[in-house]
Amino acid sequence: MTLQDISPPVRVIGVNTEFQTLFVLKGSKRQRFKLHHYREQPPKPNVIVMGGPALATFDPAKGRKRYLLFLVREADGRFAPVSGQKDPANISVQEVFGDTDDN
């Protein structure tokens, strides 16, 4: 897949990341949900993209983290960033720093 609405277009791969829900501001709370987002395909050798999209990334190998997510439900039941797939890390996906004690 390619994100066409940016120049130059960026090739991406669809990703589903499963989250545990801690708190919901609006809507019904689920124990877990899947976030549909994209990651960039590995670039061609010797290609540099300047000012590319700010895609959401999550690395479970770096431990448990908390996020404030602004989402919309897709027709298939998954959720997606409310700001769209082009720059979700700028608006819809924010890491929450501070006490991470899971009482």
PDB file of N, CA and C in Angstrom:
ATOM      1  N   MET A   1       0.843  -1.170   0.000  1.00  0.00           N
ATOM      2  CA  MET A   1       0.000   0.000   0.000  1.00  0.00           C
ATOM      3  C   MET A   1       0.890   1.235   0.000  1.00  0.00           C
ATOM      4  N   THR A   2       0.356   2.322  -0.544  1.00  0.00           N
ATOM      5  CA  THR A   2       1.098   3.573  -0.609  1.00  0.00           C
ATOM      6  C   THR A   2       0.247   4.709  -0.079  1.00  0.00           C
ATOM      7  N   LEU A   3       0.837   5.531   0.776  1.00  0.00           N
ATOM      8  CA  LEU A   3       0.171   6.761   1.206  1.00  0.00           C
ATOM      9  C   LEU A   3       0.352   7.769   0.080  1.00  0.00           C
ATOM     10  N   GLN A   4      -0.713   8.021  -0.678  1.00  0.00           N
ATOM     11  CA  GLN A   4      -0.645   8.849  -1.879  1.00  0.00           C
ATOM     12  C   GLN A   4      -0.749  10.341  -1.603  1.00  0.00           C
ATOM     13  N   ASP A   5      -1.347  10.722  -0.466  1.00  0.00           N
ATOM     14  CA  ASP A   5      -1.624  12.139  -0.249  1.00  0.00           C
ATOM     15  C   ASP A   5      -0.441  12.912   0.318  1.00  0.00           C
ATOM     16  N   ILE A   6       0.762  12.338   0.205  1.00  0.00           N
ATOM     17  CA  ILE A   6       1.980  13.055   0.574  1.00  0.00           C
ATOM     18  C   ILE A   6       2.959  12.936  -0.587  1.00  0.00           C
ATOM     19  N   SER A   7       3.924  13.824  -0.644  1.00  0.00           N
ATOM     20  CA  SER A   7       4.854  13.817  -1.761  1.00  0.00           C
ATOM     21  C   SER A   7       6.279  13.736  -1.225  1.00  0.00           C
ATOM     22  N   PRO A   8       7.062  12.772  -1.642  1.00  0.00           N
ATOM     23  CA  PRO A   8       6.680  11.691  -2.536  1.00  0.00           C
ATOM     24  C   PRO A   8       5.832  10.664  -1.789  1.00  0.00           C
ATOM     25  N   PRO A   9       5.019   9.866  -2.512  1.00  0.00           N
ATOM     26  CA  PRO A   9       4.224   8.827  -1.857  1.00  0.00           C
ATOM     27  C   PRO A   9       5.131   7.866  -1.080  1.00  0.00           C
ATOM     28  N   VAL A  10       4.640   7.379   0.066  1.00  0.00           N
ATOM     29  CA  VAL A  10       5.428   6.500   0.933  1.00  0.00           C
ATOM     30  C   VAL A  10       4.764   5.127   0.976  1.00  0.00           C
ATOM     31  N   ARG A  11       5.548   4.087   0.743  1.00  0.00           N
ATOM     32  CA  ARG A  11       5.026   2.718   0.794  1.00  0.00           C
ATOM     33  C   ARG A  11       4.952   2.266   2.254  1.00  0.00           C
ATOM     34  N   VAL A  12       3.787   1.709   2.642  1.00  0.00           N
ATOM     35  CA  VAL A  12       3.552   1.310   4.026  1.00  0.00           C
ATOM     36  C   VAL A  12       2.993  -0.114   4.083  1.00  0.00           C
ATOM     37  N   ILE A  13       3.064  -0.683   5.280  1.00  0.00           N
ATOM     38  CA  ILE A  13       2.523  -2.011   5.565  1.00  0.00           C
ATOM     39  C   ILE A  13       1.513  -1.859   6.691  1.00  0.00           C
ATOM     40  N   GLY A  14       0.336  -2.463   6.549  1.00  0.00           N
ATOM     41  CA  GLY A  14      -0.680  -2.414   7.589  1.00  0.00           C
ATOM     42  C   GLY A  14      -0.280  -3.256   8.794  1.00  0.00           C
ATOM     43  N   VAL A  15      -0.540  -2.745   9.983  1.00  0.00           N
ATOM     44  CA  VAL A  15      -0.194  -3.421  11.229  1.00  0.00           C
ATOM     45  C   VAL A  15      -1.415  -3.384  12.154  1.00  0.00           C
ATOM     46  N   ASN A  16      -1.635  -4.457  12.888  1.00  0.00           N
ATOM     47  CA  ASN A  16      -2.646  -4.497  13.948  1.00  0.00           C
ATOM     48  C   ASN A  16      -1.916  -4.679  15.267  1.00  0.00           C
ATOM     49  N   THR A  17      -2.075  -3.725  16.182  1.00  0.00           N
ATOM     50  CA  THR A  17      -1.453  -3.814  17.493  1.00  0.00           C
ATOM     51  C   THR A  17      -2.555  -3.932  18.529  1.00  0.00           C
ATOM     52  N   GLU A  18      -2.451  -4.936  19.396  1.00  0.00           N
ATOM     53  CA  GLU A  18      -3.475  -5.152  20.416  1.00  0.00           C
ATOM     54  C   GLU A  18      -3.088  -4.419  21.700  1.00  0.00           C
ATOM     55  N   PHE A  19      -4.072  -3.749  22.279  1.00  0.00           N
ATOM     56  CA  PHE A  19      -3.875  -2.978  23.499  1.00  0.00           C
ATOM     57  C   PHE A  19      -4.804  -3.467  24.597  1.00  0.00           C
ATOM     58  N   GLN A  20      -4.372  -3.278  25.834  1.00  0.00           N
ATOM     59  CA  GLN A  20      -5.229  -3.460  27.003  1.00  0.00           C
ATOM     60  C   GLN A  20      -5.780  -2.086  27.351  1.00  0.00           C
ATOM     61  N   THR A  21      -7.074  -2.002  27.587  1.00  0.00           N
ATOM     62  CA  THR A  21      -7.719  -0.728  27.889  1.00  0.00           C
ATOM     63  C   THR A  21      -7.629  -0.430  29.378  1.00  0.00           C
ATOM     64  N   LEU A  22      -7.217   0.778  29.719  1.00  0.00           N
ATOM     65  CA  LEU A  22      -7.181   1.205  31.115  1.00  0.00           C
ATOM     66  C   LEU A  22      -8.338   2.147  31.434  1.00  0.00           C
ATOM     67  N   PHE A  23      -8.642   3.075  30.509  1.00  0.00           N
ATOM     68  CA  PHE A  23      -9.657   4.080  30.760  1.00  0.00           C
ATOM     69  C   PHE A  23     -10.224   4.549  29.425  1.00  0.00           C
ATOM     70  N   VAL A  24     -11.520   4.826  29.388  1.00  0.00           N
ATOM     71  CA  VAL A  24     -12.184   5.314  28.174  1.00  0.00           C
ATOM     72  C   VAL A  24     -12.885   6.622  28.495  1.00  0.00           C
ATOM     73  N   LEU A  25     -12.646   7.651  27.675  1.00  0.00           N
ATOM     74  CA  LEU A  25     -13.305   8.940  27.874  1.00  0.00           C
ATOM     75  C   LEU A  25     -14.697   8.956  27.252  1.00  0.00           C
ATOM     76  N   LYS A  26     -14.865   8.314  26.101  1.00  0.00           N
ATOM     77  CA  LYS A  26     -16.136   8.326  25.400  1.00  0.00           C
ATOM     78  C   LYS A  26     -16.336   6.969  24.729  1.00  0.00           C
ATOM     79  N   GLY A  27     -17.511   6.385  24.919  1.00  0.00           N
ATOM     80  CA  GLY A  27     -17.790   5.075  24.345  1.00  0.00           C
ATOM     81  C   GLY A  27     -17.704   3.989  25.389  1.00  0.00           C
ATOM     82  N   SER A  28     -18.003   2.768  24.965  1.00  0.00           N
ATOM     83  CA  SER A  28     -17.984   1.640  25.906  1.00  0.00           C
ATOM     84  C   SER A  28     -16.558   1.120  26.077  1.00  0.00           C
ATOM     85  N   LYS A  29     -16.271   0.661  27.289  1.00  0.00           N
ATOM     86  CA  LYS A  29     -14.929   0.153  27.584  1.00  0.00           C
ATOM     87  C   LYS A  29     -14.853  -1.324  27.234  1.00  0.00           C
ATOM     88  N   ARG A  30     -13.780  -1.704  26.576  1.00  0.00           N
ATOM     89  CA  ARG A  30     -13.467  -3.105  26.282  1.00  0.00           C
ATOM     90  C   ARG A  30     -12.186  -3.453  27.032  1.00  0.00           C
ATOM     91  N   GLN A  31     -12.028  -4.701  27.340  1.00  0.00           N
ATOM     92  CA  GLN A  31     -10.790  -5.123  28.006  1.00  0.00           C
ATOM     93  C   GLN A  31      -9.587  -4.953  27.085  1.00  0.00           C
ATOM     94  N   ARG A  32      -9.779  -5.305  25.803  1.00  0.00           N
ATOM     95  CA  ARG A  32      -8.701  -5.217  24.811  1.00  0.00           C
ATOM     96  C   ARG A  32      -9.284  -4.712  23.498  1.00  0.00           C
ATOM     97  N   PHE A  33      -8.431  -4.125  22.664  1.00  0.00           N
ATOM     98  CA  PHE A  33      -8.859  -3.691  21.340  1.00  0.00           C
ATOM     99  C   PHE A  33      -7.657  -3.717  20.398  1.00  0.00           C
ATOM    100  N   LYS A  34      -7.949  -3.739  19.104  1.00  0.00           N
ATOM    101  CA  LYS A  34      -6.896  -3.727  18.087  1.00  0.00           C
ATOM    102  C   LYS A  34      -6.854  -2.366  17.408  1.00  0.00           C
ATOM    103  N   LEU A  35      -5.643  -1.831  17.313  1.00  0.00           N
ATOM    104  CA  LEU A  35      -5.408  -0.568  16.623  1.00  0.00           C
ATOM    105  C   LEU A  35      -4.843  -0.879  15.248  1.00  0.00           C
ATOM    106  N   HIS A  36      -5.495  -0.379  14.212  1.00  0.00           N
ATOM    107  CA  HIS A  36      -5.032  -0.530  12.836  1.00  0.00           C
ATOM    108  C   HIS A  36      -4.209   0.696  12.492  1.00  0.00           C
ATOM    109  N   HIS A  37      -2.933   0.480  12.155  1.00  0.00           N
ATOM    110  CA  HIS A  37      -2.049   1.584  11.792  1.00  0.00           C
ATOM    111  C   HIS A  37      -1.037   1.089  10.782  1.00  0.00           C
ATOM    112  N   TYR A  38      -0.151   1.951  10.342  1.00  0.00           N
ATOM    113  CA  TYR A  38       0.821   1.598   9.314  1.00  0.00           C
ATOM    114  C   TYR A  38       2.243   1.804   9.794  1.00  0.00           C
ATOM    115  N   ARG A  39       3.144   1.040   9.172  1.00  0.00           N
ATOM    116  CA  ARG A  39       4.581   1.272   9.345  1.00  0.00           C
ATOM    117  C   ARG A  39       5.183   1.364   7.953  1.00  0.00           C
ATOM    118  N   GLU A  40       6.271   2.080   7.840  1.00  0.00           N
ATOM    119  CA  GLU A  40       6.907   2.237   6.532  1.00  0.00           C
ATOM    120  C   GLU A  40       7.569   0.943   6.104  1.00  0.00           C
ATOM    121  N   GLN A  41       7.483   0.651   4.804  1.00  0.00           N
ATOM    122  CA  GLN A  41       8.245  -0.457   4.257  1.00  0.00           C
ATOM    123  C   GLN A  41       9.714  -0.046   4.279  1.00  0.00           C
ATOM    124  N   PRO A  42      10.606  -1.016   4.405  1.00  0.00           N
ATOM    125  CA  PRO A  42      12.029  -0.641   4.367  1.00  0.00           C
ATOM    126  C   PRO A  42      12.326   0.132   3.078  1.00  0.00           C
ATOM    127  N   PRO A  43      13.033   1.257   3.188  1.00  0.00           N
ATOM    128  CA  PRO A  43      13.304   2.062   1.988  1.00  0.00           C
ATOM    129  C   PRO A  43      14.291   1.369   1.060  1.00  0.00           C
ATOM    130  N   LYS A  44      14.280   1.806  -0.175  1.00  0.00           N
ATOM    131  CA  LYS A  44      15.256   1.313  -1.140  1.00  0.00           C
ATOM    132  C   LYS A  44      16.623   1.806  -0.718  1.00  0.00           C
ATOM    133  N   PRO A  45      17.687   1.065  -1.050  1.00  0.00           N
ATOM    134  CA  PRO A  45      19.035   1.522  -0.694  1.00  0.00           C
ATOM    135  C   PRO A  45      19.318   2.908  -1.273  1.00  0.00           C
ATOM    136  N   ASN A  46      20.038   3.713  -0.521  1.00  0.00           N
ATOM    137  CA  ASN A  46      20.465   5.053  -0.931  1.00  0.00           C
ATOM    138  C   ASN A  46      19.303   6.020  -1.145  1.00  0.00           C
ATOM    139  N   VAL A  47      18.159   5.786  -0.475  1.00  0.00           N
ATOM    140  CA  VAL A  47      17.019   6.696  -0.575  1.00  0.00           C
ATOM    141  C   VAL A  47      16.769   7.292   0.800  1.00  0.00           C
ATOM    142  N   ILE A  48      16.659   8.608   0.856  1.00  0.00           N
ATOM    143  CA  ILE A  48      16.359   9.305   2.099  1.00  0.00           C
ATOM    144  C   ILE A  48      15.059  10.067   1.905  1.00  0.00           C
ATOM    145  N   VAL A  49      14.118   9.880   2.836  1.00  0.00           N
ATOM    146  CA  VAL A  49      12.854  10.618   2.780  1.00  0.00           C
ATOM    147  C   VAL A  49      12.894  11.670   3.866  1.00  0.00           C
ATOM    148  N   MET A  50      12.835  12.918   3.481  1.00  0.00           N
ATOM    149  CA  MET A  50      12.851  14.022   4.440  1.00  0.00           C
ATOM    150  C   MET A  50      11.416  14.495   4.650  1.00  0.00           C
ATOM    151  N   GLY A  51      11.029  14.710   5.892  1.00  0.00           N
ATOM    152  CA  GLY A  51       9.680  15.194   6.176  1.00  0.00           C
ATOM    153  C   GLY A  51       8.608  14.183   5.880  1.00  0.00           C
ATOM    154  N   GLY A  52       8.923  12.901   6.065  1.00  0.00           N
ATOM    155  CA  GLY A  52       7.947  11.844   5.826  1.00  0.00           C
ATOM    156  C   GLY A  52       6.856  11.843   6.889  1.00  0.00           C
ATOM    157  N   PRO A  53       5.940  10.887   6.807  1.00  0.00           N
ATOM    158  CA  PRO A  53       4.835  10.841   7.760  1.00  0.00           C
ATOM    159  C   PRO A  53       5.313  10.477   9.164  1.00  0.00           C
ATOM    160  N   ALA A  54       4.596  10.955  10.171  1.00  0.00           N
ATOM    161  CA  ALA A  54       4.876  10.622  11.562  1.00  0.00           C
ATOM    162  C   ALA A  54       3.963   9.455  11.945  1.00  0.00           C
ATOM    163  N   LEU A  55       4.377   8.249  11.561  1.00  0.00           N
ATOM    164  CA  LEU A  55       3.566   7.060  11.815  1.00  0.00           C
ATOM    165  C   LEU A  55       3.707   6.616  13.265  1.00  0.00           C
ATOM    166  N   ALA A  56       2.663   6.006  13.789  1.00  0.00           N
ATOM    167  CA  ALA A  56       2.678   5.512  15.163  1.00  0.00           C
ATOM    168  C   ALA A  56       3.515   4.235  15.230  1.00  0.00           C
ATOM    169  N   THR A  57       4.384   4.138  16.225  1.00  0.00           N
ATOM    170  CA  THR A  57       5.189   2.933  16.415  1.00  0.00           C
ATOM    171  C   THR A  57       5.075   2.483  17.868  1.00  0.00           C
ATOM    172  N   PHE A  58       5.056   1.176  18.048  1.00  0.00           N
ATOM    173  CA  PHE A  58       4.952   0.572  19.371  1.00  0.00           C
ATOM    174  C   PHE A  58       5.940  -0.583  19.424  1.00  0.00           C
ATOM    175  N   ASP A  59       6.801  -0.596  20.428  1.00  0.00           N
ATOM    176  CA  ASP A  59       7.813  -1.645  20.555  1.00  0.00           C
ATOM    177  C   ASP A  59       7.637  -2.356  21.891  1.00  0.00           C
ATOM    178  N   PRO A  60       6.950  -3.515  21.893  1.00  0.00           N
ATOM    179  CA  PRO A  60       6.740  -4.233  23.158  1.00  0.00           C
ATOM    180  C   PRO A  60       8.041  -4.686  23.811  1.00  0.00           C
ATOM    181  N   ALA A  61       9.126  -4.787  23.045  1.00  0.00           N
ATOM    182  CA  ALA A  61      10.409  -5.193  23.614  1.00  0.00           C
ATOM    183  C   ALA A  61      10.957  -4.138  24.574  1.00  0.00           C
ATOM    184  N   LYS A  62      10.464  -2.910  24.468  1.00  0.00           N
ATOM    185  CA  LYS A  62      10.931  -1.837  25.358  1.00  0.00           C
ATOM    186  C   LYS A  62      10.108  -1.742  26.632  1.00  0.00           C
ATOM    187  N   GLY A  63       9.285  -2.741  26.907  1.00  0.00           N
ATOM    188  CA  GLY A  63       8.494  -2.759  28.136  1.00  0.00           C
ATOM    189  C   GLY A  63       7.112  -2.185  27.930  1.00  0.00           C
ATOM    190  N   ARG A  64       6.321  -2.247  29.002  1.00  0.00           N
ATOM    191  CA  ARG A  64       4.950  -1.754  28.946  1.00  0.00           C
ATOM    192  C   ARG A  64       4.933  -0.238  29.019  1.00  0.00           C
ATOM    193  N   LYS A  65       4.191   0.362  28.104  1.00  0.00           N
ATOM    194  CA  LYS A  65       4.051   1.813  28.086  1.00  0.00           C
ATOM    195  C   LYS A  65       2.572   2.143  28.044  1.00  0.00           C
ATOM    196  N   ARG A  66       2.248   3.368  28.435  1.00  0.00           N
ATOM    197  CA  ARG A  66       0.862   3.838  28.395  1.00  0.00           C
ATOM    198  C   ARG A  66       0.734   4.905  27.325  1.00  0.00           C
ATOM    199  N   TYR A  67      -0.412   4.900  26.668  1.00  0.00           N
ATOM    200  CA  TYR A  67      -0.667   5.855  25.599  1.00  0.00           C
ATOM    201  C   TYR A  67      -2.041   6.469  25.775  1.00  0.00           C
ATOM    202  N   LEU A  68      -2.156   7.726  25.403  1.00  0.00           N
ATOM    203  CA  LEU A  68      -3.435   8.391  25.269  1.00  0.00           C
ATOM    204  C   LEU A  68      -3.748   8.336  23.786  1.00  0.00           C
ATOM    205  N   LEU A  69      -4.820   7.596  23.430  1.00  0.00           N
ATOM    206  CA  LEU A  69      -5.150   7.367  22.026  1.00  0.00           C
ATOM    207  C   LEU A  69      -6.500   7.992  21.699  1.00  0.00           C
ATOM    208  N   PHE A  70      -6.557   8.746  20.627  1.00  0.00           N
ATOM    209  CA  PHE A  70      -7.807   9.303  20.117  1.00  0.00           C
ATOM    210  C   PHE A  70      -8.151   8.514  18.867  1.00  0.00           C
ATOM    211  N   LEU A  71      -9.207   7.709  18.954  1.00  0.00           N
ATOM    212  CA  LEU A  71      -9.488   6.712  17.923  1.00  0.00           C
ATOM    213  C   LEU A  71     -10.900   6.798  17.375  1.00  0.00           C
ATOM    214  N   VAL A  72     -11.086   6.206  16.214  1.00  0.00           N
ATOM    215  CA  VAL A  72     -12.407   5.997  15.626  1.00  0.00           C
ATOM    216  C   VAL A  72     -12.519   4.504  15.319  1.00  0.00           C
ATOM    217  N   ARG A  73     -13.762   4.011  15.370  1.00  0.00           N
ATOM    218  CA  ARG A  73     -13.974   2.594  15.072  1.00  0.00           C
ATOM    219  C   ARG A  73     -14.151   2.415  13.568  1.00  0.00           C
ATOM    220  N   GLU A  74     -13.447   1.438  13.006  1.00  0.00           N
ATOM    221  CA  GLU A  74     -13.596   1.105  11.598  1.00  0.00           C
ATOM    222  C   GLU A  74     -14.749   0.121  11.424  1.00  0.00           C
ATOM    223  N   ALA A  75     -15.197  -0.061  10.209  1.00  0.00           N
ATOM    224  CA  ALA A  75     -16.337  -0.941   9.914  1.00  0.00           C
ATOM    225  C   ALA A  75     -16.098  -2.381  10.359  1.00  0.00           C
ATOM    226  N   ASP A  76     -14.842  -2.832  10.365  1.00  0.00           N
ATOM    227  CA  ASP A  76     -14.537  -4.223  10.740  1.00  0.00           C
ATOM    228  C   ASP A  76     -14.321  -4.413  12.243  1.00  0.00           C
ATOM    229  N   GLY A  77     -14.532  -3.353  13.049  1.00  0.00           N
ATOM    230  CA  GLY A  77     -14.412  -3.470  14.502  1.00  0.00           C
ATOM    231  C   GLY A  77     -13.072  -3.036  15.061  1.00  0.00           C
ATOM    232  N   ARG A  78     -12.069  -2.890  14.213  1.00  0.00           N
ATOM    233  CA  ARG A  78     -10.780  -2.387  14.678  1.00  0.00           C
ATOM    234  C   ARG A  78     -10.895  -0.875  14.887  1.00  0.00           C
ATOM    235  N   PHE A  79      -9.883  -0.304  15.499  1.00  0.00           N
ATOM    236  CA  PHE A  79      -9.846   1.138  15.709  1.00  0.00           C
ATOM    237  C   PHE A  79      -8.692   1.725  14.907  1.00  0.00           C
ATOM    238  N   ALA A  80      -8.808   3.004  14.565  1.00  0.00           N
ATOM    239  CA  ALA A  80      -7.775   3.714  13.811  1.00  0.00           C
ATOM    240  C   ALA A  80      -7.610   5.106  14.402  1.00  0.00           C
ATOM    241  N   PRO A  81      -6.467   5.747  14.179  1.00  0.00           N
ATOM    242  CA  PRO A  81      -6.258   7.101  14.685  1.00  0.00           C
ATOM    243  C   PRO A  81      -7.291   8.074  14.115  1.00  0.00           C
ATOM    244  N   VAL A  82      -7.864   8.902  14.969  1.00  0.00           N
ATOM    245  CA  VAL A  82      -8.881   9.858  14.532  1.00  0.00           C
ATOM    246  C   VAL A  82      -8.300  10.881  13.552  1.00  0.00           C
ATOM    247  N   SER A  83      -7.019  11.146  13.626  1.00  0.00           N
ATOM    248  CA  SER A  83      -6.386  12.121  12.733  1.00  0.00           C
ATOM    249  C   SER A  83      -6.047  11.533  11.373  1.00  0.00           C
ATOM    250  N   GLY A  84      -6.302  10.239  11.188  1.00  0.00           N
ATOM    251  CA  GLY A  84      -5.965   9.578   9.935  1.00  0.00           C
ATOM    252  C   GLY A  84      -4.647   8.841  10.043  1.00  0.00           C
ATOM    253  N   GLN A  85      -4.280   8.164   8.978  1.00  0.00           N
ATOM    254  CA  GLN A  85      -3.083   7.325   9.005  1.00  0.00           C
ATOM    255  C   GLN A  85      -1.808   8.078   8.621  1.00  0.00           C
ATOM    256  N   LYS A  86      -1.923   9.283   8.084  1.00  0.00           N
ATOM    257  CA  LYS A  86      -0.736   9.990   7.585  1.00  0.00           C
ATOM    258  C   LYS A  86       0.187  10.465   8.699  1.00  0.00           C
ATOM    259  N   ASP A  87      -0.346  11.084   9.738  1.00  0.00           N
ATOM    260  CA  ASP A  87       0.476  11.618  10.828  1.00  0.00           C
ATOM    261  C   ASP A  87      -0.144  11.344  12.198  1.00  0.00           C
ATOM    262  N   PRO A  88      -0.486  10.099  12.525  1.00  0.00           N
ATOM    263  CA  PRO A  88      -1.152   9.848  13.809  1.00  0.00           C
ATOM    264  C   PRO A  88      -0.285  10.134  15.021  1.00  0.00           C
ATOM    265  N   ALA A  89       1.037  10.018  14.887  1.00  0.00           N
ATOM    266  CA  ALA A  89       1.916  10.246  16.042  1.00  0.00           C
ATOM    267  C   ALA A  89       1.949  11.712  16.456  1.00  0.00           C
ATOM    268  N   ASN A  90       1.482  12.614  15.608  1.00  0.00           N
ATOM    269  CA  ASN A  90       1.462  14.034  15.958  1.00  0.00           C
ATOM    270  C   ASN A  90       0.231  14.419  16.758  1.00  0.00           C
ATOM    271  N   ILE A  91      -0.889  13.718  16.578  1.00  0.00           N
ATOM    272  CA  ILE A  91      -2.138  14.122  17.208  1.00  0.00           C
ATOM    273  C   ILE A  91      -2.801  12.989  17.977  1.00  0.00           C
ATOM    274  N   SER A  92      -3.047  11.864  17.333  1.00  0.00           N
ATOM    275  CA  SER A  92      -3.898  10.806  17.884  1.00  0.00           C
ATOM    276  C   SER A  92      -3.199   9.852  18.845  1.00  0.00           C
ATOM    277  N   VAL A  93      -1.896   9.760  18.805  1.00  0.00           N
ATOM    278  CA  VAL A  93      -1.155   8.792  19.624  1.00  0.00           C
ATOM    279  C   VAL A  93      -0.121   9.546  20.451  1.00  0.00           C
ATOM    280  N   GLN A  94      -0.325   9.563  21.771  1.00  0.00           N
ATOM    281  CA  GLN A  94       0.592  10.265  22.674  1.00  0.00           C
ATOM    282  C   GLN A  94       1.013   9.326  23.796  1.00  0.00           C
ATOM    283  N   GLU A  95       2.319   9.154  23.967  1.00  0.00           N
ATOM    284  CA  GLU A  95       2.798   8.349  25.085  1.00  0.00           C
ATOM    285  C   GLU A  95       2.597   9.134  26.373  1.00  0.00           C
ATOM    286  N   VAL A  96       2.140   8.450  27.422  1.00  0.00           N
ATOM    287  CA  VAL A  96       1.921   9.066  28.729  1.00  0.00           C
ATOM    288  C   VAL A  96       3.107   8.714  29.614  1.00  0.00           C
ATOM    289  N   PHE A  97       3.790   9.736  30.103  1.00  0.00           N
ATOM    290  CA  PHE A  97       4.954   9.527  30.963  1.00  0.00           C
ATOM    291  C   PHE A  97       4.559   9.732  32.417  1.00  0.00           C
ATOM    292  N   GLY A  98       5.311   9.139  33.295  1.00  0.00           N
ATOM    293  CA  GLY A  98       5.034   9.301  34.726  1.00  0.00           C
ATOM    294  C   GLY A  98       4.944   7.940  35.389  1.00  0.00           C
ATOM    295  N   ASP A  99       4.230   7.886  36.508  1.00  0.00           N
ATOM    296  CA  ASP A  99       4.078   6.665  37.284  1.00  0.00           C
ATOM    297  C   ASP A  99       3.376   5.605  36.448  1.00  0.00           C
ATOM    298  N   THR A 100       3.989   4.439  36.284  1.00  0.00           N
ATOM    299  CA  THR A 100       3.386   3.354  35.507  1.00  0.00           C
ATOM    300  C   THR A 100       3.031   2.168  36.402  1.00  0.00           C
ATOM    301  N   ASP A 101       2.800   2.411  37.683  1.00  0.00           N
ATOM    302  CA  ASP A 101       2.402   1.359  38.606  1.00  0.00           C
ATOM    303  C   ASP A 101       1.000   0.874  38.232  1.00  0.00           C
ATOM    304  N   ASP A 102       0.841  -0.387  37.886  1.00  0.00           N
ATOM    305  CA  ASP A 102      -0.436  -0.951  37.440  1.00  0.00           C
ATOM    306  C   ASP A 102      -1.237  -1.517  38.596  1.00  0.00           C
ATOM    307  N   ASN A 103      -1.613  -0.709  39.544  1.00  0.00           N
ATOM    308  CA  ASN A 103      -2.384  -1.183  40.704  1.00  0.00           C
ATOM    309  C   ASN A 103      -3.689  -1.719  40.298  1.00  0.00           C
TER     310      ASN A 103
END
